[in-house]
């Protein structure tokens, strides 16, 4: 009986180690490595020390010293959390020019006026003519709501851009991005650890879409959505509200919890849209199948054909910086709002 009890205790403490001590140790070590102030060797020592404490605690779980080590580990982790709570996103820094400004907006009646709308003319990924403008839009003329997916890291992950179409042919695109410093590089792992703030960019499609399709040569796909104008208006106003809030109080970008997809899902839900949780909202390269299953896109054709016709790269490169860029890239892309078969 004693042997059986010891076996049960061993299994229980093993679960404690696997489910609690190990992930906490990994997270804390990475947090120290990415965010502790100081030179690289200081961060390396601190991260290694916490990892060693976690390992020692795991080993001690199966000995008489377990409570002493658990107490030491808890105290160390508590101190780390107190330090972690003091890390706040920066409001001012030497930002990369393309994310240097946060769009803000005001609504008077049906007129939405935005400041700091990005309208860059890109020659390459590092050469561009910088321009930030103020624009006004008549919300009573808002008619369409489309989705772009720019695949930058294989078929599993993409960057999401939402775009609102008006009767006058203008499209207003919104992109939730990392606000990186000048010369900085995007790191999904580092951005899990409060490395960079979040920024919301509002832009003409000739800027934010063409940058990815023509300049970066990403696989950009366009999906026309089945969204009534009143719902599109609510979502657009949520973008404006969230942008104004970010301008007043910055928050961190997080590669899992606060990224280009999760932020959009939050905005749509806040506007009254229904988006049940699905793993494809995290592994967002598979969003087309999620949208197809929910009937949010044109389902009169197969998903495979829809995805093939959604690829706009060739048309975008032919269009260049033409004034009717948005019209050209939509040629042949099926719309669920169309009354006739595509």
C-alpha atoms as a PDB file:
ATOM      1  CA  UNK A   1       0.000   0.000   0.000  1.00  0.00           C
ATOM      2  CA  UNK A   2       2.845   2.364   0.846  1.00  0.00           C
ATOM      3  CA  UNK A   3       4.486   1.709  -2.519  1.00  0.00           C
ATOM      4  CA  UNK A   4       1.232   2.424  -4.355  1.00  0.00           C
ATOM      5  CA  UNK A   5       0.789   5.675  -2.431  1.00  0.00           C
ATOM      6  CA  UNK A   6       4.336   6.792  -3.252  1.00  0.00           C
ATOM      7  CA  UNK A   7       3.678   6.053  -6.928  1.00  0.00           C
ATOM      8  CA  UNK A   8       0.531   8.201  -6.845  1.00  0.00           C
ATOM      9  CA  UNK A   9       2.413  11.043  -5.115  1.00  0.00           C
ATOM     10  CA  UNK A  10       5.162  10.817  -7.740  1.00  0.00           C
ATOM     11  CA  UNK A  11       2.617  11.017 -10.556  1.00  0.00           C
ATOM     12  CA  UNK A  12       0.850  13.993  -8.940  1.00  0.00           C
ATOM     13  CA  UNK A  13       4.059  15.947  -8.480  1.00  0.00           C
ATOM     14  CA  UNK A  14       5.100  15.034 -12.008  1.00  0.00           C
ATOM     15  CA  UNK A  15       1.892  16.634 -13.302  1.00  0.00           C
ATOM     16  CA  UNK A  16       2.556  19.718 -11.170  1.00  0.00           C
ATOM     17  CA  UNK A  17       5.999  19.998 -12.715  1.00  0.00           C
ATOM     18  CA  UNK A  18       4.849  19.517 -16.293  1.00  0.00           C
ATOM     19  CA  UNK A  19       1.769  21.742 -16.067  1.00  0.00           C
ATOM     20  CA  UNK A  20       3.108  24.528 -13.854  1.00  0.00           C
ATOM     21  CA  UNK A  21       6.823  24.685 -13.064  1.00  0.00           C
ATOM     22  CA  UNK A  22       8.156  23.919 -16.535  1.00  0.00           C
ATOM     23  CA  UNK A  23       6.062  26.432 -18.584  1.00  0.00           C
ATOM     24  CA  UNK A  24       6.477  29.131 -15.928  1.00  0.00           C
ATOM     25  CA  UNK A  25      10.229  28.582 -15.934  1.00  0.00           C
ATOM     26  CA  UNK A  26      10.412  28.799 -19.730  1.00  0.00           C
ATOM     27  CA  UNK A  27       8.263  31.941 -19.851  1.00  0.00           C
ATOM     28  CA  UNK A  28      10.180  33.681 -17.045  1.00  0.00           C
ATOM     29  CA  UNK A  29      13.576  32.861 -18.562  1.00  0.00           C
ATOM     30  CA  UNK A  30      12.519  34.229 -21.954  1.00  0.00           C
ATOM     31  CA  UNK A  31      10.997  37.321 -20.322  1.00  0.00           C
ATOM     32  CA  UNK A  32      14.322  38.048 -18.612  1.00  0.00           C
ATOM     33  CA  UNK A  33      16.244  37.433 -21.824  1.00  0.00           C
ATOM     34  CA  UNK A  34      14.084  39.741 -23.957  1.00  0.00           C
ATOM     35  CA  UNK A  35      13.147  42.498 -21.518  1.00  0.00           C
ATOM     36  CA  UNK A  36      15.675  42.774 -18.677  1.00  0.00           C
ATOM     37  CA  UNK A  37      17.599  46.057 -19.079  1.00  0.00           C
ATOM     38  CA  UNK A  38      21.333  45.706 -19.576  1.00  0.00           C
ATOM     39  CA  UNK A  39      23.876  44.109 -21.885  1.00  0.00           C
ATOM     40  CA  UNK A  40      23.400  40.702 -23.422  1.00  0.00           C
ATOM     41  CA  UNK A  41      25.608  38.890 -20.901  1.00  0.00           C
ATOM     42  CA  UNK A  42      23.547  40.236 -17.977  1.00  0.00           C
ATOM     43  CA  UNK A  43      20.313  39.074 -19.601  1.00  0.00           C
ATOM     44  CA  UNK A  44      21.842  35.676 -20.380  1.00  0.00           C
ATOM     45  CA  UNK A  45      22.957  35.147 -16.775  1.00  0.00           C
ATOM     46  CA  UNK A  46      19.559  36.181 -15.384  1.00  0.00           C
ATOM     47  CA  UNK A  47      17.677  33.926 -17.802  1.00  0.00           C
ATOM     48  CA  UNK A  48      19.991  30.990 -17.103  1.00  0.00           C
ATOM     49  CA  UNK A  49      19.687  31.506 -13.343  1.00  0.00           C
ATOM     50  CA  UNK A  50      15.892  31.365 -13.448  1.00  0.00           C
ATOM     51  CA  UNK A  51      16.004  28.320 -15.706  1.00  0.00           C
ATOM     52  CA  UNK A  52      18.351  26.633 -13.230  1.00  0.00           C
ATOM     53  CA  UNK A  53      15.989  27.479 -10.350  1.00  0.00           C
ATOM     54  CA  UNK A  54      13.060  25.980 -12.276  1.00  0.00           C
ATOM     55  CA  UNK A  55      15.063  22.815 -13.018  1.00  0.00           C
ATOM     56  CA  UNK A  56      16.130  22.485  -9.382  1.00  0.00           C
ATOM     57  CA  UNK A  57      12.514  22.897  -8.296  1.00  0.00           C
ATOM     58  CA  UNK A  58      11.396  20.189 -10.725  1.00  0.00           C
ATOM     59  CA  UNK A  59      13.976  17.785  -9.307  1.00  0.00           C
ATOM     60  CA  UNK A  60      13.055  18.710  -5.726  1.00  0.00           C
ATOM     61  CA  UNK A  61       9.411  17.821  -6.331  1.00  0.00           C
ATOM     62  CA  UNK A  62      10.382  14.191  -5.869  1.00  0.00           C
ATOM     63  CA  UNK A  63      12.311  14.738  -2.641  1.00  0.00           C
ATOM     64  CA  UNK A  64      11.712  15.910   0.913  1.00  0.00           C
ATOM     65  CA  UNK A  65      12.960  19.404  -0.081  1.00  0.00           C
ATOM     66  CA  UNK A  66       9.997  20.063  -2.359  1.00  0.00           C
ATOM     67  CA  UNK A  67       8.230  22.622  -0.145  1.00  0.00           C
ATOM     68  CA  UNK A  68      11.367  24.659   0.442  1.00  0.00           C
ATOM     69  CA  UNK A  69      12.146  24.775  -3.281  1.00  0.00           C
ATOM     70  CA  UNK A  70       8.541  25.516  -4.200  1.00  0.00           C
ATOM     71  CA  UNK A  71       8.564  28.465  -1.792  1.00  0.00           C
ATOM     72  CA  UNK A  72      11.819  29.775  -3.273  1.00  0.00           C
ATOM     73  CA  UNK A  73      10.464  29.390  -6.799  1.00  0.00           C
ATOM     74  CA  UNK A  74       7.202  31.138  -5.899  1.00  0.00           C
ATOM     75  CA  UNK A  75       9.070  34.054  -4.300  1.00  0.00           C
ATOM     76  CA  UNK A  76      11.340  34.428  -7.320  1.00  0.00           C
ATOM     77  CA  UNK A  77       8.415  34.298  -9.729  1.00  0.00           C
ATOM     78  CA  UNK A  78       6.437  36.771  -7.614  1.00  0.00           C
ATOM     79  CA  UNK A  79       9.346  39.221  -7.707  1.00  0.00           C
ATOM     80  CA  UNK A  80       9.594  38.764 -11.480  1.00  0.00           C
ATOM     81  CA  UNK A  81       5.874  39.491 -11.893  1.00  0.00           C
ATOM     82  CA  UNK A  82       6.222  42.681  -9.853  1.00  0.00           C
ATOM     83  CA  UNK A  83       9.027  43.818 -12.170  1.00  0.00           C
ATOM     84  CA  UNK A  84       6.992  42.720 -15.216  1.00  0.00           C
ATOM     85  CA  UNK A  85       4.046  44.890 -14.165  1.00  0.00           C
ATOM     86  CA  UNK A  86       6.273  47.983 -14.327  1.00  0.00           C
ATOM     87  CA  UNK A  87       7.001  47.547 -18.052  1.00  0.00           C
ATOM     88  CA  UNK A  88       4.826  49.957 -20.012  1.00  0.00           C
ATOM     89  CA  UNK A  89       4.642  50.553 -23.773  1.00  0.00           C
ATOM     90  CA  UNK A  90       6.516  53.599 -25.027  1.00  0.00           C
ATOM     91  CA  UNK A  91       4.600  56.553 -26.390  1.00  0.00           C
ATOM     92  CA  UNK A  92       7.585  58.335 -27.938  1.00  0.00           C
ATOM     93  CA  UNK A  93      10.584  56.729 -29.634  1.00  0.00           C
ATOM     94  CA  UNK A  94      12.539  56.762 -32.889  1.00  0.00           C
ATOM     95  CA  UNK A  95       9.856  54.776 -34.682  1.00  0.00           C
ATOM     96  CA  UNK A  96      10.212  53.252 -38.118  1.00  0.00           C
ATOM     97  CA  UNK A  97       8.757  55.875 -40.520  1.00  0.00           C
ATOM     98  CA  UNK A  98       5.943  53.633 -41.791  1.00  0.00           C
ATOM     99  CA  UNK A  99       4.509  53.212 -38.269  1.00  0.00           C
ATOM    100  CA  UNK A 100       5.548  56.565 -36.833  1.00  0.00           C
ATOM    101  CA  UNK A 101       2.003  57.921 -36.554  1.00  0.00           C
ATOM    102  CA  UNK A 102      -1.213  56.559 -35.089  1.00  0.00           C
ATOM    103  CA  UNK A 103      -4.361  57.408 -37.034  1.00  0.00           C
ATOM    104  CA  UNK A 104      -7.160  59.174 -35.148  1.00  0.00           C
ATOM    105  CA  UNK A 105     -10.645  60.176 -36.201  1.00  0.00           C
ATOM    106  CA  UNK A 106     -13.785  62.135 -35.400  1.00  0.00           C
ATOM    107  CA  UNK A 107     -17.353  61.633 -36.619  1.00  0.00           C
ATOM    108  CA  UNK A 108     -19.764  64.501 -37.227  1.00  0.00           C
ATOM    109  CA  UNK A 109     -23.088  63.252 -38.498  1.00  0.00           C
ATOM    110  CA  UNK A 110     -22.228  60.950 -41.400  1.00  0.00           C
ATOM    111  CA  UNK A 111     -18.791  62.447 -42.030  1.00  0.00           C
ATOM    112  CA  UNK A 112     -15.743  60.612 -40.715  1.00  0.00           C
ATOM    113  CA  UNK A 113     -12.549  62.686 -40.701  1.00  0.00           C
ATOM    114  CA  UNK A 114      -9.256  60.883 -40.150  1.00  0.00           C
ATOM    115  CA  UNK A 115      -5.873  62.397 -39.381  1.00  0.00           C
ATOM    116  CA  UNK A 116      -2.568  60.643 -40.146  1.00  0.00           C
ATOM    117  CA  UNK A 117      -3.856  58.430 -42.935  1.00  0.00           C
ATOM    118  CA  UNK A 118      -0.759  56.836 -44.489  1.00  0.00           C
ATOM    119  CA  UNK A 119      -0.260  57.484 -48.204  1.00  0.00           C
ATOM    120  CA  UNK A 120       3.320  56.370 -48.929  1.00  0.00           C
ATOM    121  CA  UNK A 121       4.689  55.921 -52.433  1.00  0.00           C
ATOM    122  CA  UNK A 122       6.888  52.813 -52.203  1.00  0.00           C
ATOM    123  CA  UNK A 123       9.850  52.266 -54.571  1.00  0.00           C
ATOM    124  CA  UNK A 124      11.290  49.414 -52.496  1.00  0.00           C
ATOM    125  CA  UNK A 125      11.023  48.049 -48.981  1.00  0.00           C
ATOM    126  CA  UNK A 126      13.375  50.769 -47.749  1.00  0.00           C
ATOM    127  CA  UNK A 127      12.846  53.547 -50.314  1.00  0.00           C
ATOM    128  CA  UNK A 128       9.606  55.507 -50.228  1.00  0.00           C
ATOM    129  CA  UNK A 129       8.085  58.963 -50.378  1.00  0.00           C
ATOM    130  CA  UNK A 130       6.566  59.625 -46.971  1.00  0.00           C
ATOM    131  CA  UNK A 131       3.168  61.267 -46.815  1.00  0.00           C
ATOM    132  CA  UNK A 132       0.575  61.456 -44.051  1.00  0.00           C
ATOM    133  CA  UNK A 133      -2.752  63.056 -44.913  1.00  0.00           C
ATOM    134  CA  UNK A 134      -6.146  63.965 -43.506  1.00  0.00           C
ATOM    135  CA  UNK A 135      -9.150  62.442 -45.288  1.00  0.00           C
ATOM    136  CA  UNK A 136     -12.918  62.624 -44.934  1.00  0.00           C
ATOM    137  CA  UNK A 137     -15.423  59.874 -45.768  1.00  0.00           C
ATOM    138  CA  UNK A 138     -19.208  59.915 -46.042  1.00  0.00           C
ATOM    139  CA  UNK A 139     -20.389  56.965 -43.956  1.00  0.00           C
ATOM    140  CA  UNK A 140     -23.790  57.008 -45.666  1.00  0.00           C
ATOM    141  CA  UNK A 141     -21.960  55.967 -48.852  1.00  0.00           C
ATOM    142  CA  UNK A 142     -20.142  53.015 -47.295  1.00  0.00           C
ATOM    143  CA  UNK A 143     -21.117  49.898 -49.229  1.00  0.00           C
ATOM    144  CA  UNK A 144     -18.510  47.117 -49.002  1.00  0.00           C
ATOM    145  CA  UNK A 145     -16.155  45.412 -46.572  1.00  0.00           C
ATOM    146  CA  UNK A 146     -13.316  43.226 -47.835  1.00  0.00           C
ATOM    147  CA  UNK A 147     -10.473  41.164 -46.393  1.00  0.00           C
ATOM    148  CA  UNK A 148      -6.864  40.871 -47.581  1.00  0.00           C
ATOM    149  CA  UNK A 149      -4.535  38.105 -46.414  1.00  0.00           C
ATOM    150  CA  UNK A 150      -0.827  38.642 -47.116  1.00  0.00           C
ATOM    151  CA  UNK A 151       1.097  35.388 -46.680  1.00  0.00           C
ATOM    152  CA  UNK A 152       4.592  36.215 -45.451  1.00  0.00           C
ATOM    153  CA  UNK A 153       5.668  32.984 -43.685  1.00  0.00           C
ATOM    154  CA  UNK A 154       4.277  30.014 -45.569  1.00  0.00           C
ATOM    155  CA  UNK A 155       0.668  28.840 -45.830  1.00  0.00           C
ATOM    156  CA  UNK A 156      -0.013  28.866 -42.085  1.00  0.00           C
ATOM    157  CA  UNK A 157       0.500  32.530 -41.232  1.00  0.00           C
ATOM    158  CA  UNK A 158      -0.645  35.707 -42.935  1.00  0.00           C
ATOM    159  CA  UNK A 159      -1.082  39.399 -42.238  1.00  0.00           C
ATOM    160  CA  UNK A 160      -4.691  40.556 -42.218  1.00  0.00           C
ATOM    161  CA  UNK A 161      -5.889  43.849 -43.707  1.00  0.00           C
ATOM    162  CA  UNK A 162      -9.527  44.966 -43.665  1.00  0.00           C
ATOM    163  CA  UNK A 163     -10.788  47.446 -46.247  1.00  0.00           C
ATOM    164  CA  UNK A 164     -13.968  49.521 -46.512  1.00  0.00           C
ATOM    165  CA  UNK A 165     -15.380  50.498 -49.908  1.00  0.00           C
ATOM    166  CA  UNK A 166     -17.395  53.636 -50.653  1.00  0.00           C
ATOM    167  CA  UNK A 167     -19.715  54.522 -53.542  1.00  0.00           C
ATOM    168  CA  UNK A 168     -17.201  57.005 -54.945  1.00  0.00           C
ATOM    169  CA  UNK A 169     -14.710  54.180 -55.596  1.00  0.00           C
ATOM    170  CA  UNK A 170     -12.431  54.947 -52.655  1.00  0.00           C
ATOM    171  CA  UNK A 171     -11.238  52.153 -50.374  1.00  0.00           C
ATOM    172  CA  UNK A 172      -9.975  52.708 -46.842  1.00  0.00           C
ATOM    173  CA  UNK A 173      -7.706  49.916 -45.607  1.00  0.00           C
ATOM    174  CA  UNK A 174      -6.843  49.198 -41.950  1.00  0.00           C
ATOM    175  CA  UNK A 175      -3.816  47.242 -40.797  1.00  0.00           C
ATOM    176  CA  UNK A 176      -2.953  46.320 -37.194  1.00  0.00           C
ATOM    177  CA  UNK A 177       0.849  46.235 -36.969  1.00  0.00           C
ATOM    178  CA  UNK A 178       3.897  46.206 -34.726  1.00  0.00           C
ATOM    179  CA  UNK A 179       5.199  49.686 -33.953  1.00  0.00           C
ATOM    180  CA  UNK A 180       8.881  48.933 -34.297  1.00  0.00           C
ATOM    181  CA  UNK A 181      11.792  51.296 -33.863  1.00  0.00           C
ATOM    182  CA  UNK A 182      13.839  52.530 -36.797  1.00  0.00           C
ATOM    183  CA  UNK A 183      16.085  49.693 -37.982  1.00  0.00           C
ATOM    184  CA  UNK A 184      14.252  47.123 -35.846  1.00  0.00           C
ATOM    185  CA  UNK A 185      13.180  43.729 -37.144  1.00  0.00           C
ATOM    186  CA  UNK A 186       9.924  41.868 -36.590  1.00  0.00           C
ATOM    187  CA  UNK A 187      10.297  38.919 -34.214  1.00  0.00           C
ATOM    188  CA  UNK A 188       7.138  36.940 -33.332  1.00  0.00           C
ATOM    189  CA  UNK A 189       8.895  35.432 -30.304  1.00  0.00           C
ATOM    190  CA  UNK A 190      10.248  38.730 -28.961  1.00  0.00           C
ATOM    191  CA  UNK A 191       6.823  40.325 -29.402  1.00  0.00           C
ATOM    192  CA  UNK A 192       5.357  37.819 -26.956  1.00  0.00           C
ATOM    193  CA  UNK A 193       7.327  39.645 -24.265  1.00  0.00           C
ATOM    194  CA  UNK A 194       6.252  43.290 -24.356  1.00  0.00           C
ATOM    195  CA  UNK A 195       8.849  44.319 -26.890  1.00  0.00           C
ATOM    196  CA  UNK A 196       6.876  46.704 -29.118  1.00  0.00           C
ATOM    197  CA  UNK A 197       3.628  48.669 -28.992  1.00  0.00           C
ATOM    198  CA  UNK A 198       0.627  48.105 -31.214  1.00  0.00           C
ATOM    199  CA  UNK A 199      -0.242  50.567 -33.975  1.00  0.00           C
ATOM    200  CA  UNK A 200      -3.283  50.763 -36.251  1.00  0.00           C
ATOM    201  CA  UNK A 201      -2.608  52.065 -39.740  1.00  0.00           C
ATOM    202  CA  UNK A 202      -5.331  53.516 -41.973  1.00  0.00           C
ATOM    203  CA  UNK A 203      -4.249  53.768 -45.574  1.00  0.00           C
ATOM    204  CA  UNK A 204      -5.116  53.883 -49.236  1.00  0.00           C
ATOM    205  CA  UNK A 205      -4.831  50.385 -50.744  1.00  0.00           C
ATOM    206  CA  UNK A 206      -2.147  51.655 -53.140  1.00  0.00           C
ATOM    207  CA  UNK A 207       0.040  51.988 -50.066  1.00  0.00           C
ATOM    208  CA  UNK A 208      -0.619  49.161 -47.623  1.00  0.00           C
ATOM    209  CA  UNK A 209      -1.751  46.489 -50.096  1.00  0.00           C
ATOM    210  CA  UNK A 210       0.672  47.352 -52.918  1.00  0.00           C
ATOM    211  CA  UNK A 211       3.553  47.333 -50.418  1.00  0.00           C
ATOM    212  CA  UNK A 212       2.929  43.656 -49.759  1.00  0.00           C
ATOM    213  CA  UNK A 213       1.889  42.493 -53.221  1.00  0.00           C
ATOM    214  CA  UNK A 214       4.285  44.509 -55.405  1.00  0.00           C
ATOM    215  CA  UNK A 215       7.215  45.479 -53.186  1.00  0.00           C
ATOM    216  CA  UNK A 216       7.560  42.568 -50.766  1.00  0.00           C
ATOM    217  CA  UNK A 217       6.187  40.065 -53.311  1.00  0.00           C
ATOM    218  CA  UNK A 218       3.982  38.360 -50.731  1.00  0.00           C
ATOM    219  CA  UNK A 219       1.104  36.103 -51.774  1.00  0.00           C
ATOM    220  CA  UNK A 220      -1.779  38.533 -51.263  1.00  0.00           C
ATOM    221  CA  UNK A 221      -5.320  37.181 -51.430  1.00  0.00           C
ATOM    222  CA  UNK A 222      -8.502  39.254 -51.515  1.00  0.00           C
ATOM    223  CA  UNK A 223     -11.848  38.014 -50.167  1.00  0.00           C
ATOM    224  CA  UNK A 224     -15.068  39.934 -50.770  1.00  0.00           C
ATOM    225  CA  UNK A 225     -17.248  39.628 -47.667  1.00  0.00           C
ATOM    226  CA  UNK A 226     -20.987  39.252 -47.164  1.00  0.00           C
ATOM    227  CA  UNK A 227     -21.376  42.253 -44.853  1.00  0.00           C
ATOM    228  CA  UNK A 228     -24.369  44.639 -44.845  1.00  0.00           C
ATOM    229  CA  UNK A 229     -23.396  48.352 -44.962  1.00  0.00           C
ATOM    230  CA  UNK A 230     -24.752  49.023 -41.459  1.00  0.00           C
ATOM    231  CA  UNK A 231     -22.547  46.262 -40.011  1.00  0.00           C
ATOM    232  CA  UNK A 232     -19.547  47.514 -41.995  1.00  0.00           C
ATOM    233  CA  UNK A 233     -20.189  50.991 -40.605  1.00  0.00           C
ATOM    234  CA  UNK A 234     -20.230  49.674 -37.029  1.00  0.00           C
ATOM    235  CA  UNK A 235     -16.939  47.858 -37.574  1.00  0.00           C
ATOM    236  CA  UNK A 236     -15.340  50.929 -39.141  1.00  0.00           C
ATOM    237  CA  UNK A 237     -16.402  53.054 -36.173  1.00  0.00           C
ATOM    238  CA  UNK A 238     -14.898  50.442 -33.844  1.00  0.00           C
ATOM    239  CA  UNK A 239     -11.603  50.843 -35.706  1.00  0.00           C
ATOM    240  CA  UNK A 240     -11.787  54.585 -35.154  1.00  0.00           C
ATOM    241  CA  UNK A 241     -12.628  54.175 -31.463  1.00  0.00           C
ATOM    242  CA  UNK A 242      -9.781  51.713 -30.943  1.00  0.00           C
ATOM    243  CA  UNK A 243      -7.347  53.971 -32.839  1.00  0.00           C
ATOM    244  CA  UNK A 244      -8.270  56.959 -30.691  1.00  0.00           C
ATOM    245  CA  UNK A 245      -7.824  54.841 -27.566  1.00  0.00           C
ATOM    246  CA  UNK A 246      -4.365  53.698 -28.728  1.00  0.00           C
ATOM    247  CA  UNK A 247      -3.341  57.300 -29.388  1.00  0.00           C
ATOM    248  CA  UNK A 248      -4.329  58.176 -25.824  1.00  0.00           C
ATOM    249  CA  UNK A 249      -2.963  55.026 -24.140  1.00  0.00           C
ATOM    250  CA  UNK A 250      -0.489  52.749 -25.972  1.00  0.00           C
ATOM    251  CA  UNK A 251      -0.659  48.994 -25.519  1.00  0.00           C
ATOM    252  CA  UNK A 252       1.704  46.174 -26.394  1.00  0.00           C
ATOM    253  CA  UNK A 253       1.524  44.045 -29.512  1.00  0.00           C
ATOM    254  CA  UNK A 254       1.471  40.327 -28.709  1.00  0.00           C
ATOM    255  CA  UNK A 255       2.047  37.678 -31.374  1.00  0.00           C
ATOM    256  CA  UNK A 256      -0.683  35.443 -29.922  1.00  0.00           C
ATOM    257  CA  UNK A 257      -3.168  37.504 -27.926  1.00  0.00           C
ATOM    258  CA  UNK A 258      -3.068  40.960 -29.576  1.00  0.00           C
ATOM    259  CA  UNK A 259      -2.088  40.652 -33.213  1.00  0.00           C
ATOM    260  CA  UNK A 260      -3.523  41.597 -36.613  1.00  0.00           C
ATOM    261  CA  UNK A 261      -6.199  38.878 -36.453  1.00  0.00           C
ATOM    262  CA  UNK A 262      -7.193  38.836 -32.785  1.00  0.00           C
ATOM    263  CA  UNK A 263      -7.500  42.622 -32.744  1.00  0.00           C
ATOM    264  CA  UNK A 264      -9.861  42.513 -35.738  1.00  0.00           C
ATOM    265  CA  UNK A 265     -11.948  39.730 -34.170  1.00  0.00           C
ATOM    266  CA  UNK A 266     -12.248  41.851 -31.041  1.00  0.00           C
ATOM    267  CA  UNK A 267     -13.364  44.862 -33.088  1.00  0.00           C
ATOM    268  CA  UNK A 268     -15.970  42.870 -35.039  1.00  0.00           C
ATOM    269  CA  UNK A 269     -17.376  41.362 -31.853  1.00  0.00           C
ATOM    270  CA  UNK A 270     -17.501  44.794 -30.228  1.00  0.00           C
ATOM    271  CA  UNK A 271     -19.508  45.992 -33.231  1.00  0.00           C
ATOM    272  CA  UNK A 272     -22.032  43.204 -32.687  1.00  0.00           C
ATOM    273  CA  UNK A 273     -20.632  40.689 -35.162  1.00  0.00           C
ATOM    274  CA  UNK A 274     -20.649  37.002 -34.259  1.00  0.00           C
ATOM    275  CA  UNK A 275     -17.303  35.231 -34.656  1.00  0.00           C
ATOM    276  CA  UNK A 276     -17.152  31.972 -32.659  1.00  0.00           C
ATOM    277  CA  UNK A 277     -13.699  30.956 -31.528  1.00  0.00           C
ATOM    278  CA  UNK A 278     -11.915  28.656 -33.934  1.00  0.00           C
ATOM    279  CA  UNK A 279      -8.286  27.516 -34.188  1.00  0.00           C
ATOM    280  CA  UNK A 280      -8.171  29.158 -37.628  1.00  0.00           C
ATOM    281  CA  UNK A 281      -8.449  32.554 -35.934  1.00  0.00           C
ATOM    282  CA  UNK A 282      -5.007  31.845 -34.439  1.00  0.00           C
ATOM    283  CA  UNK A 283      -3.375  29.996 -37.357  1.00  0.00           C
ATOM    284  CA  UNK A 284      -4.805  32.658 -39.609  1.00  0.00           C
ATOM    285  CA  UNK A 285      -3.467  31.309 -42.884  1.00  0.00           C
ATOM    286  CA  UNK A 286      -6.526  29.057 -42.800  1.00  0.00           C
ATOM    287  CA  UNK A 287      -9.015  31.910 -42.400  1.00  0.00           C
ATOM    288  CA  UNK A 288     -10.445  31.419 -45.920  1.00  0.00           C
ATOM    289  CA  UNK A 289     -11.847  28.018 -44.947  1.00  0.00           C
ATOM    290  CA  UNK A 290     -13.284  29.507 -41.728  1.00  0.00           C
ATOM    291  CA  UNK A 291     -15.014  32.262 -43.709  1.00  0.00           C
ATOM    292  CA  UNK A 292     -16.217  29.760 -46.319  1.00  0.00           C
ATOM    293  CA  UNK A 293     -17.684  27.450 -43.661  1.00  0.00           C
ATOM    294  CA  UNK A 294     -19.578  30.384 -42.161  1.00  0.00           C
ATOM    295  CA  UNK A 295     -20.884  31.629 -45.517  1.00  0.00           C
ATOM    296  CA  UNK A 296     -19.097  34.975 -45.167  1.00  0.00           C
ATOM    297  CA  UNK A 297     -17.622  34.709 -48.678  1.00  0.00           C
ATOM    298  CA  UNK A 298     -18.985  33.526 -52.031  1.00  0.00           C
ATOM    299  CA  UNK A 299     -19.856  29.835 -51.600  1.00  0.00           C
ATOM    300  CA  UNK A 300     -21.320  29.388 -55.083  1.00  0.00           C
ATOM    301  CA  UNK A 301     -17.925  28.087 -56.151  1.00  0.00           C
ATOM    302  CA  UNK A 302     -15.546  25.679 -54.416  1.00  0.00           C
ATOM    303  CA  UNK A 303     -13.127  26.901 -51.797  1.00  0.00           C
ATOM    304  CA  UNK A 304     -10.203  25.877 -54.021  1.00  0.00           C
ATOM    305  CA  UNK A 305     -11.498  27.998 -56.904  1.00  0.00           C
ATOM    306  CA  UNK A 306     -12.282  30.885 -54.568  1.00  0.00           C
ATOM    307  CA  UNK A 307      -8.708  30.887 -53.258  1.00  0.00           C
ATOM    308  CA  UNK A 308      -7.274  30.687 -56.772  1.00  0.00           C
ATOM    309  CA  UNK A 309      -9.332  33.681 -57.900  1.00  0.00           C
ATOM    310  CA  UNK A 310      -8.528  35.575 -54.688  1.00  0.00           C
ATOM    311  CA  UNK A 311      -4.824  35.863 -55.578  1.00  0.00           C
ATOM    312  CA  UNK A 312      -4.281  39.430 -56.749  1.00  0.00           C
ATOM    313  CA  UNK A 313      -0.482  39.507 -57.164  1.00  0.00           C
ATOM    314  CA  UNK A 314      -0.360  39.533 -60.963  1.00  0.00           C
ATOM    315  CA  UNK A 315      -3.130  42.134 -61.328  1.00  0.00           C
ATOM    316  CA  UNK A 316      -1.574  44.292 -58.595  1.00  0.00           C
ATOM    317  CA  UNK A 317       1.800  44.322 -60.339  1.00  0.00           C
ATOM    318  CA  UNK A 318       0.160  45.193 -63.650  1.00  0.00           C
ATOM    319  CA  UNK A 319      -1.768  48.006 -61.978  1.00  0.00           C
ATOM    320  CA  UNK A 320       1.324  49.496 -60.347  1.00  0.00           C
ATOM    321  CA  UNK A 321       0.387  52.768 -58.687  1.00  0.00           C
ATOM    322  CA  UNK A 322      -2.539  53.463 -61.011  1.00  0.00           C
ATOM    323  CA  UNK A 323      -5.294  55.644 -59.495  1.00  0.00           C
ATOM    324  CA  UNK A 324      -7.787  52.798 -60.046  1.00  0.00           C
ATOM    325  CA  UNK A 325      -5.543  50.204 -58.349  1.00  0.00           C
ATOM    326  CA  UNK A 326      -8.410  49.067 -56.090  1.00  0.00           C
ATOM    327  CA  UNK A 327     -10.745  48.452 -59.027  1.00  0.00           C
ATOM    328  CA  UNK A 328      -8.138  46.532 -61.032  1.00  0.00           C
ATOM    329  CA  UNK A 329      -7.192  44.115 -58.248  1.00  0.00           C
ATOM    330  CA  UNK A 330     -10.876  43.220 -57.736  1.00  0.00           C
ATOM    331  CA  UNK A 331     -11.439  42.143 -61.335  1.00  0.00           C
ATOM    332  CA  UNK A 332     -12.472  38.484 -61.340  1.00  0.00           C
ATOM    333  CA  UNK A 333     -12.651  38.180 -57.558  1.00  0.00           C
ATOM    334  CA  UNK A 334     -16.069  36.665 -56.657  1.00  0.00           C
ATOM    335  CA  UNK A 335     -18.372  38.708 -54.459  1.00  0.00           C
ATOM    336  CA  UNK A 336     -21.195  37.170 -52.383  1.00  0.00           C
ATOM    337  CA  UNK A 337     -23.107  40.432 -52.842  1.00  0.00           C
ATOM    338  CA  UNK A 338     -23.299  39.969 -56.611  1.00  0.00           C
ATOM    339  CA  UNK A 339     -26.732  38.830 -57.793  1.00  0.00           C
ATOM    340  CA  UNK A 340     -25.445  36.894 -60.769  1.00  0.00           C
ATOM    341  CA  UNK A 341     -23.194  33.859 -60.723  1.00  0.00           C
ATOM    342  CA  UNK A 342     -19.513  34.806 -60.941  1.00  0.00           C
END
